[in-house]
Amino acid sequence: MRNKHDTSRLYTPDTSPRTVEENLEFYFQACSMTVDVRSAAVLAASLAAGGVNPFTGKRAFELRHVNSAVQLMFSCGMYNGSGAWACTVGLPAKSGVAGCILLVVPNVMGMAVFSPPLDRKGNSVRGVKLIESIAEQYNLNIFSQLYLGDHKDIVENLEDLHEKTSKTAVNPLKHDQR
């Protein structure tokens, strides 16, 4: 009921060619999609690669849509924790109420973590801690890159991360790994 109330308050014929009910139906369908963490990781990696699926080499999203999505992820993707996230982690991310977080490191990598339960802000408790730790350890925060100057240490850190995790990381194209 709250979604309908909020949508009704924001709705004008100028903002959408659809009715409030049609917009809500689309919203509920989008919120009800079934996505596993592997698919979420491919989505994040595709966004990080400017809309190109890094496993197939095919364009999945137009660049203009990727830009909009990543900007929204950065500004509000972590619900009420988005401002603090922007300062501490400094990377676009999108949290889901099931406990999944998509993370985009533009032109570098994308990843997804899944771990309920959620904190008061609606984000995965363990997922937030893991991503904060990785971002700090490997200097991934986009603002830290401003004062690091040359990015060789970031690349070396990411290569080190890849070596450490490549034996345990899940290949998103092989869905039968356990």
C-alpha atoms as a PDB file:
ATOM      1  CA  MET A   1       0.000   0.000   0.000  1.00  0.00           C
ATOM      2  CA  ARG A   2       2.874   2.361   0.801  1.00  0.00           C
ATOM      3  CA  ASN A   3       4.350   1.883  -2.697  1.00  0.00           C
ATOM      4  CA  LYS A   4       0.988   2.812  -4.241  1.00  0.00           C
ATOM      5  CA  HIS A   5       0.682   5.884  -2.024  1.00  0.00           C
ATOM      6  CA  ASP A   6       4.234   7.059  -2.825  1.00  0.00           C
ATOM      7  CA  THR A   7       3.795   6.378  -6.533  1.00  0.00           C
ATOM      8  CA  SER A   8       0.478   8.243  -6.618  1.00  0.00           C
ATOM      9  CA  ARG A   9       2.108  11.286  -5.009  1.00  0.00           C
ATOM     10  CA  LEU A  10       4.913  11.326  -7.599  1.00  0.00           C
ATOM     11  CA  TYR A  11       2.785  10.522 -10.631  1.00  0.00           C
ATOM     12  CA  THR A  12       1.825  13.064 -13.262  1.00  0.00           C
ATOM     13  CA  PRO A  13       1.005  12.370 -16.909  1.00  0.00           C
ATOM     14  CA  ASP A  14       4.218  14.245 -17.755  1.00  0.00           C
ATOM     15  CA  THR A  15       6.423  11.834 -15.784  1.00  0.00           C
ATOM     16  CA  SER A  16       5.095   8.578 -17.227  1.00  0.00           C
ATOM     17  CA  PRO A  17       2.955   7.485 -20.154  1.00  0.00           C
ATOM     18  CA  ARG A  18       1.657   4.638 -17.948  1.00  0.00           C
ATOM     19  CA  THR A  19      -0.821   4.642 -15.092  1.00  0.00           C
ATOM     20  CA  VAL A  20       0.179   4.292 -11.446  1.00  0.00           C
ATOM     21  CA  GLU A  21      -1.078   0.690 -11.487  1.00  0.00           C
ATOM     22  CA  GLU A  22       0.955  -0.173 -14.611  1.00  0.00           C
ATOM     23  CA  ASN A  23       4.096   1.345 -13.101  1.00  0.00           C
ATOM     24  CA  LEU A  24       3.574  -0.548  -9.853  1.00  0.00           C
ATOM     25  CA  GLU A  25       3.004  -3.817 -11.720  1.00  0.00           C
ATOM     26  CA  PHE A  26       6.315  -3.350 -13.552  1.00  0.00           C
ATOM     27  CA  TYR A  27       8.057  -2.473 -10.272  1.00  0.00           C
ATOM     28  CA  PHE A  28       6.716  -5.583  -8.540  1.00  0.00           C
ATOM     29  CA  GLN A  29       7.758  -7.774 -11.489  1.00  0.00           C
ATOM     30  CA  ALA A  30      11.267  -6.310 -11.404  1.00  0.00           C
ATOM     31  CA  CYS A  31      11.474  -6.897  -7.646  1.00  0.00           C
ATOM     32  CA  SER A  32      10.349 -10.500  -8.083  1.00  0.00           C
ATOM     33  CA  MET A  33      12.955 -11.622 -10.599  1.00  0.00           C
ATOM     34  CA  THR A  34      14.879 -14.728  -9.668  1.00  0.00           C
ATOM     35  CA  VAL A  35      18.607 -14.124  -9.957  1.00  0.00           C
ATOM     36  CA  ASP A  36      21.394 -16.270  -8.547  1.00  0.00           C
ATOM     37  CA  VAL A  37      24.702 -14.835  -7.384  1.00  0.00           C
ATOM     38  CA  ARG A  38      26.499 -16.074 -10.508  1.00  0.00           C
ATOM     39  CA  SER A  39      24.086 -14.202 -12.788  1.00  0.00           C
ATOM     40  CA  ALA A  40      24.411 -11.142 -10.569  1.00  0.00           C
ATOM     41  CA  ALA A  41      28.207 -11.342 -10.878  1.00  0.00           C
ATOM     42  CA  VAL A  42      27.974 -11.481 -14.683  1.00  0.00           C
ATOM     43  CA  LEU A  43      25.647  -8.461 -14.581  1.00  0.00           C
ATOM     44  CA  ALA A  44      28.111  -6.537 -12.380  1.00  0.00           C
ATOM     45  CA  ALA A  45      31.047  -7.528 -14.603  1.00  0.00           C
ATOM     46  CA  SER A  46      29.101  -6.427 -17.694  1.00  0.00           C
ATOM     47  CA  LEU A  47      28.389  -3.045 -16.115  1.00  0.00           C
ATOM     48  CA  ALA A  48      32.070  -2.709 -15.168  1.00  0.00           C
ATOM     49  CA  ALA A  49      32.987  -3.463 -18.788  1.00  0.00           C
ATOM     50  CA  GLY A  50      30.795  -0.669 -20.104  1.00  0.00           C
ATOM     51  CA  GLY A  51      27.886  -2.926 -20.997  1.00  0.00           C
ATOM     52  CA  VAL A  52      29.854  -5.701 -22.683  1.00  0.00           C
ATOM     53  CA  ASN A  53      29.565  -9.190 -21.228  1.00  0.00           C
ATOM     54  CA  PRO A  54      33.229 -10.037 -20.517  1.00  0.00           C
ATOM     55  CA  PHE A  55      32.584 -13.764 -20.960  1.00  0.00           C
ATOM     56  CA  THR A  56      30.886 -13.604 -24.376  1.00  0.00           C
ATOM     57  CA  GLY A  57      32.286 -10.326 -25.687  1.00  0.00           C
ATOM     58  CA  LYS A  58      28.767  -9.304 -26.723  1.00  0.00           C
ATOM     59  CA  ARG A  59      27.200  -5.995 -25.825  1.00  0.00           C
ATOM     60  CA  ALA A  60      24.479  -6.561 -23.253  1.00  0.00           C
ATOM     61  CA  PHE A  61      23.599  -2.910 -22.503  1.00  0.00           C
ATOM     62  CA  GLU A  62      23.966   0.379 -24.336  1.00  0.00           C
ATOM     63  CA  LEU A  63      26.657   2.574 -22.805  1.00  0.00           C
ATOM     64  CA  ARG A  64      24.178   5.358 -22.019  1.00  0.00           C
ATOM     65  CA  HIS A  65      22.138   2.919 -19.932  1.00  0.00           C
ATOM     66  CA  VAL A  66      25.259   1.640 -18.177  1.00  0.00           C
ATOM     67  CA  ASN A  67      26.239   5.217 -17.293  1.00  0.00           C
ATOM     68  CA  SER A  68      22.814   5.891 -15.815  1.00  0.00           C
ATOM     69  CA  ALA A  69      22.737   2.604 -13.909  1.00  0.00           C
ATOM     70  CA  VAL A  70      26.215   3.030 -12.423  1.00  0.00           C
ATOM     71  CA  GLN A  71      25.479   6.628 -11.415  1.00  0.00           C
ATOM     72  CA  LEU A  72      22.282   5.533  -9.672  1.00  0.00           C
ATOM     73  CA  MET A  73      24.123   2.648  -8.006  1.00  0.00           C
ATOM     74  CA  PHE A  74      26.721   5.065  -6.678  1.00  0.00           C
ATOM     75  CA  SER A  75      24.255   7.659  -5.433  1.00  0.00           C
ATOM     76  CA  CYS A  76      21.498   5.495  -3.949  1.00  0.00           C
ATOM     77  CA  GLY A  77      22.173   1.780  -4.522  1.00  0.00           C
ATOM     78  CA  MET A  78      22.858   1.046  -0.855  1.00  0.00           C
ATOM     79  CA  TYR A  79      19.565   2.490   0.386  1.00  0.00           C
ATOM     80  CA  ASN A  80      19.961   4.785   3.433  1.00  0.00           C
ATOM     81  CA  GLY A  81      23.617   3.786   3.704  1.00  0.00           C
ATOM     82  CA  SER A  82      24.531   5.167   0.269  1.00  0.00           C
ATOM     83  CA  GLY A  83      26.219   8.347   1.488  1.00  0.00           C
ATOM     84  CA  ALA A  84      28.466   6.558   3.971  1.00  0.00           C
ATOM     85  CA  TRP A  85      29.140   3.844   1.368  1.00  0.00           C
ATOM     86  CA  ALA A  86      30.251   6.464  -1.164  1.00  0.00           C
ATOM     87  CA  CYS A  87      32.730   7.860   1.361  1.00  0.00           C
ATOM     88  CA  THR A  88      34.091   4.588   2.764  1.00  0.00           C
ATOM     89  CA  VAL A  89      33.937   2.183  -0.187  1.00  0.00           C
ATOM     90  CA  GLY A  90      33.720   4.731  -2.987  1.00  0.00           C
ATOM     91  CA  LEU A  91      32.318   2.335  -5.603  1.00  0.00           C
ATOM     92  CA  PRO A  92      28.967   1.881  -7.316  1.00  0.00           C
ATOM     93  CA  ALA A  93      26.942  -0.892  -5.697  1.00  0.00           C
ATOM     94  CA  LYS A  94      23.366  -2.121  -5.560  1.00  0.00           C
ATOM     95  CA  SER A  95      21.972  -3.932  -2.576  1.00  0.00           C
ATOM     96  CA  GLY A  96      18.951  -6.190  -2.736  1.00  0.00           C
ATOM     97  CA  VAL A  97      16.550  -7.059   0.043  1.00  0.00           C
ATOM     98  CA  ALA A  98      17.418 -10.765  -0.283  1.00  0.00           C
ATOM     99  CA  GLY A  99      21.020 -10.074   0.818  1.00  0.00           C
ATOM    100  CA  CYS A 100      22.803  -9.709  -2.536  1.00  0.00           C
ATOM    101  CA  ILE A 101      25.145  -6.824  -3.333  1.00  0.00           C
ATOM    102  CA  LEU A 102      26.387  -6.043  -6.844  1.00  0.00           C
ATOM    103  CA  LEU A 103      29.659  -4.124  -6.933  1.00  0.00           C
ATOM    104  CA  VAL A 104      31.131  -2.341  -9.961  1.00  0.00           C
ATOM    105  CA  VAL A 105      34.755  -1.291 -10.232  1.00  0.00           C
ATOM    106  CA  PRO A 106      34.543   0.580 -13.549  1.00  0.00           C
ATOM    107  CA  ASN A 107      36.876  -0.743 -16.263  1.00  0.00           C
ATOM    108  CA  VAL A 108      38.280  -3.294 -13.812  1.00  0.00           C
ATOM    109  CA  MET A 109      35.792  -5.829 -12.476  1.00  0.00           C
ATOM    110  CA  GLY A 110      32.344  -6.529 -11.170  1.00  0.00           C
ATOM    111  CA  MET A 111      31.373  -8.859  -8.375  1.00  0.00           C
ATOM    112  CA  ALA A 112      28.359 -10.027  -6.451  1.00  0.00           C
ATOM    113  CA  VAL A 113      28.082 -11.279  -2.896  1.00  0.00           C
ATOM    114  CA  PHE A 114      25.095 -12.932  -1.272  1.00  0.00           C
ATOM    115  CA  SER A 115      24.744 -13.238   2.456  1.00  0.00           C
ATOM    116  CA  PRO A 116      21.617 -12.518   4.469  1.00  0.00           C
ATOM    117  CA  PRO A 117      20.806 -11.172   7.107  1.00  0.00           C
ATOM    118  CA  LEU A 118      20.409  -7.451   6.526  1.00  0.00           C
ATOM    119  CA  ASP A 119      21.381  -4.476   8.644  1.00  0.00           C
ATOM    120  CA  ARG A 120      18.983  -1.655   9.625  1.00  0.00           C
ATOM    121  CA  LYS A 121      19.634   0.052   6.287  1.00  0.00           C
ATOM    122  CA  GLY A 122      18.603  -3.024   4.286  1.00  0.00           C
ATOM    123  CA  ASN A 123      22.079  -4.183   3.234  1.00  0.00           C
ATOM    124  CA  SER A 124      23.804  -7.528   3.769  1.00  0.00           C
ATOM    125  CA  VAL A 125      25.781  -7.313   7.028  1.00  0.00           C
ATOM    126  CA  ARG A 126      28.553  -9.695   5.951  1.00  0.00           C
ATOM    127  CA  GLY A 127      28.478  -8.527   2.334  1.00  0.00           C
ATOM    128  CA  VAL A 128      29.121  -4.935   3.389  1.00  0.00           C
ATOM    129  CA  LYS A 129      32.010  -5.993   5.662  1.00  0.00           C
ATOM    130  CA  LEU A 130      33.576  -8.148   2.924  1.00  0.00           C
ATOM    131  CA  ILE A 131      33.378  -5.456   0.266  1.00  0.00           C
ATOM    132  CA  GLU A 132      34.648  -2.770   2.654  1.00  0.00           C
ATOM    133  CA  SER A 133      37.614  -4.996   3.460  1.00  0.00           C
ATOM    134  CA  ILE A 134      38.429  -5.752  -0.187  1.00  0.00           C
ATOM    135  CA  ALA A 135      38.043  -2.097  -1.216  1.00  0.00           C
ATOM    136  CA  GLU A 136      40.360  -0.964   1.563  1.00  0.00           C
ATOM    137  CA  GLN A 137      42.955  -3.703   1.104  1.00  0.00           C
ATOM    138  CA  TYR A 138      43.198  -3.185  -2.659  1.00  0.00           C
ATOM    139  CA  ASN A 139      42.711   0.616  -2.765  1.00  0.00           C
ATOM    140  CA  LEU A 140      39.636   0.345  -4.966  1.00  0.00           C
ATOM    141  CA  ASN A 141      37.862   3.450  -3.654  1.00  0.00           C
ATOM    142  CA  ILE A 142      37.635   5.822  -6.629  1.00  0.00           C
ATOM    143  CA  PHE A 143      38.614   8.706  -4.381  1.00  0.00           C
ATOM    144  CA  SER A 144      41.796   6.994  -3.196  1.00  0.00           C
ATOM    145  CA  GLN A 145      42.764   6.702  -6.850  1.00  0.00           C
ATOM    146  CA  LEU A 146      42.749  10.493  -7.096  1.00  0.00           C
ATOM    147  CA  TYR A 147      45.719  10.862  -4.789  1.00  0.00           C
ATOM    148  CA  LEU A 148      47.579   7.648  -5.547  1.00  0.00           C
ATOM    149  CA  GLY A 149      48.788   9.103  -8.828  1.00  0.00           C
ATOM    150  CA  ASP A 150      49.961   6.212 -10.935  1.00  0.00           C
ATOM    151  CA  HIS A 151      47.700   3.207 -10.792  1.00  0.00           C
ATOM    152  CA  LYS A 152      50.379   0.512 -10.949  1.00  0.00           C
ATOM    153  CA  ASP A 153      49.877  -0.444  -7.311  1.00  0.00           C
ATOM    154  CA  ILE A 154      46.128  -0.855  -7.849  1.00  0.00           C
ATOM    155  CA  VAL A 155      46.726  -3.123 -10.846  1.00  0.00           C
ATOM    156  CA  GLU A 156      49.321  -5.116  -8.893  1.00  0.00           C
ATOM    157  CA  ASN A 157      46.927  -5.421  -5.938  1.00  0.00           C
ATOM    158  CA  LEU A 158      44.161  -6.669  -8.218  1.00  0.00           C
ATOM    159  CA  GLU A 159      46.507  -9.175  -9.845  1.00  0.00           C
ATOM    160  CA  ASP A 160      47.399 -10.380  -6.348  1.00  0.00           C
ATOM    161  CA  LEU A 161      43.688 -10.653  -5.496  1.00  0.00           C
ATOM    162  CA  HIS A 162      43.077 -12.647  -8.676  1.00  0.00           C
ATOM    163  CA  GLU A 163      45.915 -15.058  -7.880  1.00  0.00           C
ATOM    164  CA  LYS A 164      44.618 -15.598  -4.353  1.00  0.00           C
ATOM    165  CA  THR A 165      41.015 -16.140  -5.393  1.00  0.00           C
ATOM    166  CA  SER A 166      41.228 -17.733  -8.833  1.00  0.00           C
ATOM    167  CA  LYS A 167      41.379 -21.227  -7.371  1.00  0.00           C
ATOM    168  CA  THR A 168      38.292 -20.637  -5.221  1.00  0.00           C
ATOM    169  CA  ALA A 169      36.334 -18.105  -7.267  1.00  0.00           C
ATOM    170  CA  VAL A 170      33.276 -19.300  -9.106  1.00  0.00           C
ATOM    171  CA  ASN A 171      33.296 -19.143 -12.876  1.00  0.00           C
ATOM    172  CA  PRO A 172      29.899 -17.592 -13.592  1.00  0.00           C
ATOM    173  CA  LEU A 173      29.549 -19.557 -16.829  1.00  0.00           C
ATOM    174  CA  LYS A 174      29.822 -22.924 -15.080  1.00  0.00           C
ATOM    175  CA  HIS A 175      26.700 -23.218 -13.003  1.00  0.00           C
ATOM    176  CA  ASP A 176      27.449 -26.661 -11.626  1.00  0.00           C
ATOM    177  CA  GLN A 177      30.429 -25.847  -9.405  1.00  0.00           C
ATOM    178  CA  ARG A 178      30.180 -26.816  -5.756  1.00  0.00           C
END
